[in-house]
Amino acid sequence: MTPSDQGLPKTCRLVRPGDFARVYAVRRSAAAGPLVVYAAAQEPPGSTRIGLSVSRRIGNAVVRNRWKRRLREAFRRVRATLPTGHDFIVVVRSGLPEPGAAGLERTAASLETLAARAAARPAGEPSRSRRRPGS
């Protein structure tokens, strides 16, 4: 268990469905390997927050919780270097997290890179449907 001073306080987490919907609606993302990071600027700017999305198709509860623990620890390590005033959602696409300290370092580096790329992208227009006009 991590000491309370190194934990992930509630002010650093996205917890409400409306927060997730707002970040997804901005449509700024970056992907590499098994991770996709979505980003949205906060109004008014506050502390950097993260939300995690690990679907059941990734694996059983043990695998999903392993991913979430890995991502929370990676976020703790790189939180100070991430763009401030942004909310991020990390979506896991597939596979198992890499084991060990080296795997954690790679996950943290990937999270840092993807968050910076997603935050730097211009915001897209929210779409109402996946169908193209005229089809």
N, C-alpha and C. Protein backbone atom coordinates (compact mmCIF):
# COMPACT_ATOMS: atom_id res chain seq x y z
N MET A 1 0.84 -1.17 0.00
CA MET A 1 0.00 0.00 0.00
C MET A 1 0.89 1.24 0.00
N THR A 2 0.47 2.26 -0.72
CA THR A 2 1.27 3.48 -0.79
C THR A 2 0.95 4.38 0.38
N PRO A 3 1.93 5.14 0.86
CA PRO A 3 1.66 6.09 1.94
C PRO A 3 0.66 7.14 1.48
N SER A 4 -0.08 7.71 2.43
CA SER A 4 -1.15 8.64 2.08
C SER A 4 -0.63 9.90 1.39
N ASP A 5 0.62 10.29 1.65
CA ASP A 5 1.13 11.50 1.00
C ASP A 5 1.49 11.25 -0.46
N GLN A 6 1.57 9.99 -0.87
CA GLN A 6 1.86 9.67 -2.27
C GLN A 6 0.64 9.12 -2.99
N GLY A 7 -0.50 9.12 -2.35
CA GLY A 7 -1.72 8.60 -2.96
C GLY A 7 -2.22 9.49 -4.08
N LEU A 8 -3.34 9.12 -4.65
CA LEU A 8 -3.95 9.89 -5.71
C LEU A 8 -5.22 10.52 -5.15
N PRO A 9 -5.14 11.79 -4.72
CA PRO A 9 -6.30 12.42 -4.09
C PRO A 9 -7.46 12.57 -5.07
N LYS A 10 -8.65 12.69 -4.52
CA LYS A 10 -9.85 12.79 -5.35
C LYS A 10 -9.82 14.00 -6.27
N THR A 11 -9.08 15.04 -5.88
CA THR A 11 -8.99 16.24 -6.72
C THR A 11 -8.18 15.97 -7.99
N CYS A 12 -7.48 14.85 -8.06
CA CYS A 12 -6.68 14.50 -9.23
C CYS A 12 -7.34 13.44 -10.10
N ARG A 13 -8.60 13.09 -9.78
CA ARG A 13 -9.28 12.04 -10.52
C ARG A 13 -10.55 12.56 -11.18
N LEU A 14 -10.85 12.05 -12.35
CA LEU A 14 -12.15 12.29 -12.98
C LEU A 14 -13.08 11.21 -12.45
N VAL A 15 -14.20 11.59 -11.87
CA VAL A 15 -15.09 10.60 -11.29
C VAL A 15 -16.52 10.70 -11.81
N ARG A 16 -16.92 11.86 -12.27
CA ARG A 16 -18.31 12.04 -12.72
C ARG A 16 -18.45 11.71 -14.21
N PRO A 17 -19.52 11.07 -14.59
CA PRO A 17 -19.73 10.78 -16.01
C PRO A 17 -19.73 12.03 -16.89
N GLY A 18 -20.18 13.15 -16.36
CA GLY A 18 -20.18 14.40 -17.12
C GLY A 18 -18.77 14.86 -17.45
N ASP A 19 -17.82 14.63 -16.54
CA ASP A 19 -16.42 14.98 -16.80
C ASP A 19 -15.86 14.13 -17.94
N PHE A 20 -16.16 12.82 -17.90
CA PHE A 20 -15.70 11.94 -18.97
C PHE A 20 -16.31 12.36 -20.31
N ALA A 21 -17.61 12.66 -20.31
CA ALA A 21 -18.29 13.05 -21.55
C ALA A 21 -17.68 14.34 -22.12
N ARG A 22 -17.33 15.29 -21.24
CA ARG A 22 -16.74 16.54 -21.71
C ARG A 22 -15.39 16.30 -22.37
N VAL A 23 -14.57 15.46 -21.78
CA VAL A 23 -13.25 15.18 -22.35
C VAL A 23 -13.38 14.46 -23.68
N TYR A 24 -14.26 13.46 -23.75
CA TYR A 24 -14.47 12.74 -25.01
C TYR A 24 -15.02 13.67 -26.09
N ALA A 25 -15.89 14.63 -25.72
CA ALA A 25 -16.52 15.52 -26.69
C ALA A 25 -15.51 16.45 -27.36
N VAL A 26 -14.42 16.77 -26.68
CA VAL A 26 -13.40 17.66 -27.25
C VAL A 26 -12.67 16.97 -28.40
N ARG A 27 -12.56 15.65 -28.36
CA ARG A 27 -12.01 14.84 -29.45
C ARG A 27 -10.53 15.14 -29.72
N ARG A 28 -9.74 15.30 -28.68
CA ARG A 28 -8.29 15.44 -28.82
C ARG A 28 -7.67 14.19 -28.22
N SER A 29 -6.98 13.41 -29.05
CA SER A 29 -6.42 12.16 -28.54
C SER A 29 -5.09 11.86 -29.20
N ALA A 30 -4.37 10.96 -28.57
CA ALA A 30 -3.11 10.43 -29.09
C ALA A 30 -3.04 8.98 -28.65
N ALA A 31 -2.49 8.12 -29.53
CA ALA A 31 -2.44 6.69 -29.23
C ALA A 31 -1.08 6.12 -29.58
N ALA A 32 -0.68 5.14 -28.80
CA ALA A 32 0.54 4.38 -29.08
C ALA A 32 0.47 3.09 -28.29
N GLY A 33 0.76 1.99 -28.94
CA GLY A 33 0.72 0.70 -28.26
C GLY A 33 -0.65 0.43 -27.69
N PRO A 34 -0.72 -0.01 -26.43
CA PRO A 34 -2.02 -0.36 -25.87
C PRO A 34 -2.79 0.81 -25.26
N LEU A 35 -2.26 2.03 -25.33
CA LEU A 35 -2.89 3.17 -24.66
C LEU A 35 -3.40 4.23 -25.64
N VAL A 36 -4.54 4.81 -25.30
CA VAL A 36 -5.07 5.99 -25.98
C VAL A 36 -5.31 7.03 -24.89
N VAL A 37 -4.85 8.26 -25.10
CA VAL A 37 -5.04 9.33 -24.13
C VAL A 37 -5.88 10.42 -24.78
N TYR A 38 -6.97 10.80 -24.11
CA TYR A 38 -7.83 11.90 -24.53
C TYR A 38 -7.53 13.08 -23.61
N ALA A 39 -7.59 14.30 -24.14
CA ALA A 39 -7.27 15.49 -23.35
C ALA A 39 -8.30 16.58 -23.58
N ALA A 40 -8.55 17.36 -22.54
CA ALA A 40 -9.42 18.54 -22.64
C ALA A 40 -8.93 19.57 -21.63
N ALA A 41 -8.91 20.82 -22.05
CA ALA A 41 -8.53 21.90 -21.14
C ALA A 41 -9.65 22.13 -20.14
N GLN A 42 -9.28 22.52 -18.94
CA GLN A 42 -10.25 22.79 -17.89
C GLN A 42 -10.66 24.26 -17.92
N GLU A 43 -11.90 24.53 -17.55
CA GLU A 43 -12.40 25.90 -17.40
C GLU A 43 -13.01 26.04 -16.03
N PRO A 44 -12.49 26.79 -15.13
CA PRO A 44 -11.19 27.46 -15.13
C PRO A 44 -10.07 26.44 -14.89
N PRO A 45 -8.85 26.77 -15.30
CA PRO A 45 -7.73 25.84 -15.13
C PRO A 45 -7.51 25.48 -13.66
N GLY A 46 -7.28 24.21 -13.43
CA GLY A 46 -7.02 23.72 -12.07
C GLY A 46 -5.91 22.69 -12.12
N SER A 47 -5.91 21.78 -11.17
CA SER A 47 -4.88 20.74 -11.15
C SER A 47 -5.17 19.70 -12.22
N THR A 48 -4.12 19.08 -12.71
CA THR A 48 -4.24 18.05 -13.74
C THR A 48 -4.97 16.85 -13.16
N ARG A 49 -5.98 16.36 -13.89
CA ARG A 49 -6.77 15.22 -13.43
C ARG A 49 -6.72 14.10 -14.46
N ILE A 50 -6.95 12.86 -13.98
CA ILE A 50 -6.92 11.70 -14.85
C ILE A 50 -8.14 10.83 -14.59
N GLY A 51 -8.63 10.24 -15.68
CA GLY A 51 -9.69 9.24 -15.61
C GLY A 51 -9.20 7.99 -16.31
N LEU A 52 -9.60 6.83 -15.82
CA LEU A 52 -9.15 5.57 -16.40
C LEU A 52 -10.34 4.81 -16.97
N SER A 53 -10.14 4.22 -18.14
CA SER A 53 -11.17 3.41 -18.77
C SER A 53 -10.53 2.09 -19.21
N VAL A 54 -10.85 1.04 -18.47
CA VAL A 54 -10.32 -0.29 -18.78
C VAL A 54 -11.51 -1.22 -18.95
N SER A 55 -11.81 -1.56 -20.19
CA SER A 55 -12.99 -2.34 -20.54
C SER A 55 -12.86 -3.81 -20.12
N ARG A 56 -13.99 -4.47 -20.01
CA ARG A 56 -13.99 -5.90 -19.69
C ARG A 56 -13.36 -6.74 -20.77
N ARG A 57 -13.32 -6.24 -21.98
CA ARG A 57 -12.71 -7.02 -23.06
C ARG A 57 -11.19 -7.10 -22.92
N ILE A 58 -10.61 -6.30 -22.05
CA ILE A 58 -9.17 -6.34 -21.79
C ILE A 58 -8.81 -7.61 -21.04
N GLY A 59 -9.70 -8.05 -20.17
CA GLY A 59 -9.43 -9.27 -19.41
C GLY A 59 -10.32 -9.33 -18.19
N ASN A 60 -10.01 -10.29 -17.32
CA ASN A 60 -10.80 -10.44 -16.11
C ASN A 60 -10.47 -9.32 -15.11
N ALA A 61 -11.10 -9.38 -13.95
CA ALA A 61 -10.94 -8.31 -12.96
C ALA A 61 -9.49 -8.15 -12.51
N VAL A 62 -8.76 -9.26 -12.44
CA VAL A 62 -7.36 -9.18 -12.02
C VAL A 62 -6.54 -8.37 -13.01
N VAL A 63 -6.74 -8.62 -14.29
CA VAL A 63 -6.00 -7.91 -15.34
C VAL A 63 -6.41 -6.45 -15.37
N ARG A 64 -7.70 -6.17 -15.28
CA ARG A 64 -8.17 -4.78 -15.31
C ARG A 64 -7.63 -3.99 -14.13
N ASN A 65 -7.67 -4.58 -12.95
CA ASN A 65 -7.16 -3.89 -11.76
C ASN A 65 -5.65 -3.71 -11.83
N ARG A 66 -4.94 -4.66 -12.42
CA ARG A 66 -3.48 -4.52 -12.60
C ARG A 66 -3.19 -3.31 -13.49
N TRP A 67 -3.97 -3.16 -14.58
CA TRP A 67 -3.80 -2.00 -15.46
C TRP A 67 -4.06 -0.71 -14.70
N LYS A 68 -5.15 -0.68 -13.93
CA LYS A 68 -5.50 0.55 -13.22
C LYS A 68 -4.44 0.92 -12.19
N ARG A 69 -3.93 -0.04 -11.46
CA ARG A 69 -2.85 0.25 -10.50
C ARG A 69 -1.62 0.78 -11.22
N ARG A 70 -1.28 0.15 -12.35
CA ARG A 70 -0.11 0.57 -13.12
C ARG A 70 -0.28 2.00 -13.62
N LEU A 71 -1.47 2.32 -14.15
CA LEU A 71 -1.71 3.67 -14.69
C LEU A 71 -1.75 4.73 -13.60
N ARG A 72 -2.33 4.41 -12.45
CA ARG A 72 -2.34 5.38 -11.35
C ARG A 72 -0.92 5.67 -10.88
N GLU A 73 -0.09 4.64 -10.76
CA GLU A 73 1.29 4.85 -10.33
C GLU A 73 2.07 5.63 -11.38
N ALA A 74 1.86 5.34 -12.66
CA ALA A 74 2.53 6.09 -13.73
C ALA A 74 2.11 7.55 -13.68
N PHE A 75 0.82 7.81 -13.45
CA PHE A 75 0.34 9.19 -13.35
C PHE A 75 0.97 9.90 -12.17
N ARG A 76 1.09 9.23 -11.03
CA ARG A 76 1.74 9.84 -9.86
C ARG A 76 3.16 10.28 -10.20
N ARG A 77 3.86 9.46 -10.95
CA ARG A 77 5.26 9.75 -11.27
C ARG A 77 5.42 10.92 -12.24
N VAL A 78 4.49 11.07 -13.19
CA VAL A 78 4.67 12.09 -14.23
C VAL A 78 3.71 13.27 -14.09
N ARG A 79 2.90 13.29 -13.06
CA ARG A 79 1.88 14.34 -12.90
C ARG A 79 2.48 15.74 -12.97
N ALA A 80 3.64 15.95 -12.37
CA ALA A 80 4.25 17.29 -12.35
C ALA A 80 4.71 17.73 -13.73
N THR A 81 4.97 16.79 -14.65
CA THR A 81 5.47 17.13 -15.97
C THR A 81 4.36 17.23 -17.02
N LEU A 82 3.15 16.84 -16.67
CA LEU A 82 2.04 16.89 -17.62
C LEU A 82 1.56 18.33 -17.79
N PRO A 83 0.94 18.64 -18.94
CA PRO A 83 0.40 19.98 -19.15
C PRO A 83 -0.62 20.32 -18.06
N THR A 84 -0.46 21.48 -17.44
CA THR A 84 -1.36 21.86 -16.35
C THR A 84 -2.69 22.36 -16.91
N GLY A 85 -3.71 22.29 -16.07
CA GLY A 85 -5.02 22.78 -16.47
C GLY A 85 -5.72 21.89 -17.48
N HIS A 86 -5.39 20.60 -17.49
CA HIS A 86 -6.02 19.65 -18.42
C HIS A 86 -6.59 18.46 -17.66
N ASP A 87 -7.61 17.87 -18.27
CA ASP A 87 -8.14 16.59 -17.83
C ASP A 87 -7.74 15.56 -18.87
N PHE A 88 -7.34 14.38 -18.41
CA PHE A 88 -6.93 13.31 -19.31
C PHE A 88 -7.72 12.05 -19.01
N ILE A 89 -8.06 11.32 -20.06
CA ILE A 89 -8.64 9.99 -19.91
C ILE A 89 -7.70 9.03 -20.60
N VAL A 90 -7.33 7.97 -19.90
CA VAL A 90 -6.47 6.94 -20.47
C VAL A 90 -7.34 5.71 -20.72
N VAL A 91 -7.36 5.26 -21.98
CA VAL A 91 -8.12 4.09 -22.38
C VAL A 91 -7.12 3.00 -22.74
N VAL A 92 -7.32 1.82 -22.18
CA VAL A 92 -6.47 0.68 -22.49
C VAL A 92 -7.14 -0.10 -23.62
N ARG A 93 -6.39 -0.34 -24.70
CA ARG A 93 -6.94 -1.03 -25.86
C ARG A 93 -6.77 -2.54 -25.80
N SER A 94 -5.63 -3.02 -25.30
CA SER A 94 -5.42 -4.47 -25.32
C SER A 94 -4.26 -4.87 -24.44
N GLY A 95 -4.17 -6.16 -24.20
CA GLY A 95 -2.99 -6.76 -23.59
C GLY A 95 -2.85 -6.61 -22.10
N LEU A 96 -1.73 -7.13 -21.63
CA LEU A 96 -1.35 -7.06 -20.23
C LEU A 96 -0.33 -5.95 -20.03
N PRO A 97 -0.30 -5.34 -18.87
CA PRO A 97 0.76 -4.35 -18.62
C PRO A 97 2.10 -5.06 -18.53
N GLU A 98 3.15 -4.38 -18.97
CA GLU A 98 4.48 -4.96 -18.88
C GLU A 98 4.86 -5.11 -17.41
N PRO A 99 5.42 -6.25 -17.02
CA PRO A 99 5.73 -6.47 -15.61
C PRO A 99 6.99 -5.73 -15.17
N GLY A 100 7.09 -5.52 -13.88
CA GLY A 100 8.30 -5.00 -13.27
C GLY A 100 8.46 -3.49 -13.35
N ALA A 101 9.57 -3.05 -12.77
CA ALA A 101 9.87 -1.62 -12.71
C ALA A 101 10.13 -1.04 -14.10
N ALA A 102 10.75 -1.83 -14.98
CA ALA A 102 11.00 -1.35 -16.34
C ALA A 102 9.68 -1.12 -17.08
N GLY A 103 8.72 -2.00 -16.87
CA GLY A 103 7.41 -1.84 -17.49
C GLY A 103 6.70 -0.60 -16.97
N LEU A 104 6.84 -0.33 -15.68
CA LEU A 104 6.25 0.87 -15.10
C LEU A 104 6.88 2.12 -15.69
N GLU A 105 8.19 2.12 -15.84
CA GLU A 105 8.88 3.28 -16.43
C GLU A 105 8.44 3.50 -17.87
N ARG A 106 8.28 2.43 -18.65
CA ARG A 106 7.81 2.57 -20.04
C ARG A 106 6.38 3.09 -20.08
N THR A 107 5.54 2.60 -19.16
CA THR A 107 4.16 3.07 -19.11
C THR A 107 4.11 4.55 -18.75
N ALA A 108 4.92 4.96 -17.78
CA ALA A 108 4.96 6.37 -17.37
C ALA A 108 5.47 7.25 -18.51
N ALA A 109 6.50 6.80 -19.22
CA ALA A 109 7.03 7.58 -20.34
C ALA A 109 6.00 7.68 -21.46
N SER A 110 5.29 6.59 -21.72
CA SER A 110 4.26 6.59 -22.75
C SER A 110 3.12 7.53 -22.36
N LEU A 111 2.71 7.48 -21.11
CA LEU A 111 1.64 8.35 -20.62
C LEU A 111 2.04 9.82 -20.76
N GLU A 112 3.25 10.14 -20.39
CA GLU A 112 3.74 11.52 -20.48
C GLU A 112 3.76 12.01 -21.93
N THR A 113 4.27 11.19 -22.83
CA THR A 113 4.36 11.55 -24.25
C THR A 113 2.97 11.71 -24.87
N LEU A 114 2.09 10.74 -24.61
CA LEU A 114 0.75 10.78 -25.21
C LEU A 114 -0.06 11.95 -24.66
N ALA A 115 0.07 12.24 -23.38
CA ALA A 115 -0.67 13.36 -22.80
C ALA A 115 -0.22 14.69 -23.42
N ALA A 116 1.08 14.84 -23.61
CA ALA A 116 1.58 16.07 -24.23
C ALA A 116 1.10 16.20 -25.66
N ARG A 117 1.12 15.09 -26.41
CA ARG A 117 0.64 15.12 -27.81
C ARG A 117 -0.84 15.43 -27.88
N ALA A 118 -1.63 14.80 -27.02
CA ALA A 118 -3.08 15.02 -27.05
C ALA A 118 -3.43 16.45 -26.65
N ALA A 119 -2.75 16.99 -25.65
CA ALA A 119 -3.04 18.35 -25.19
C ALA A 119 -2.65 19.39 -26.25
N ALA A 120 -1.66 19.08 -27.08
CA ALA A 120 -1.19 20.03 -28.09
C ALA A 120 -2.05 20.02 -29.34
N ARG A 121 -2.87 19.01 -29.53
CA ARG A 121 -3.71 18.92 -30.72
C ARG A 121 -4.85 19.92 -30.67
N PRO A 122 -5.27 20.41 -31.85
CA PRO A 122 -6.44 21.29 -31.87
C PRO A 122 -7.70 20.48 -31.56
N ALA A 123 -8.66 21.13 -30.92
CA ALA A 123 -9.91 20.46 -30.56
C ALA A 123 -10.72 20.18 -31.81
N GLY A 124 -11.30 18.99 -31.88
CA GLY A 124 -12.18 18.62 -32.99
C GLY A 124 -13.60 18.99 -32.67
N GLU A 125 -14.44 18.98 -33.67
CA GLU A 125 -15.84 19.27 -33.44
C GLU A 125 -16.54 17.99 -32.99
N PRO A 126 -17.36 18.08 -31.94
CA PRO A 126 -18.07 16.89 -31.50
C PRO A 126 -19.00 16.40 -32.58
N SER A 127 -19.05 15.10 -32.76
CA SER A 127 -19.94 14.54 -33.78
C SER A 127 -21.19 14.01 -33.12
N ARG A 128 -22.29 14.11 -33.83
CA ARG A 128 -23.55 13.60 -33.29
C ARG A 128 -23.78 12.16 -33.69
N SER A 129 -23.20 11.76 -34.82
CA SER A 129 -23.31 10.36 -35.25
C SER A 129 -22.06 10.00 -36.04
N ARG A 130 -21.90 8.72 -36.26
CA ARG A 130 -20.74 8.25 -37.01
C ARG A 130 -21.00 8.24 -38.51
N ARG A 131 -22.22 8.50 -38.92
CA ARG A 131 -22.55 8.50 -40.34
C ARG A 131 -22.09 9.78 -40.98
N ARG A 132 -21.60 9.63 -42.20
CA ARG A 132 -21.19 10.82 -42.97
C ARG A 132 -22.41 11.47 -43.59
N PRO A 133 -22.37 12.78 -43.73
CA PRO A 133 -23.50 13.46 -44.38
C PRO A 133 -23.67 12.98 -45.81
N GLY A 134 -24.93 12.76 -46.17
CA GLY A 134 -25.23 12.34 -47.53
C GLY A 134 -25.13 10.84 -47.74
N SER A 135 -24.86 10.06 -46.71
CA SER A 135 -24.82 8.60 -46.92
C SER A 135 -25.91 7.90 -46.20
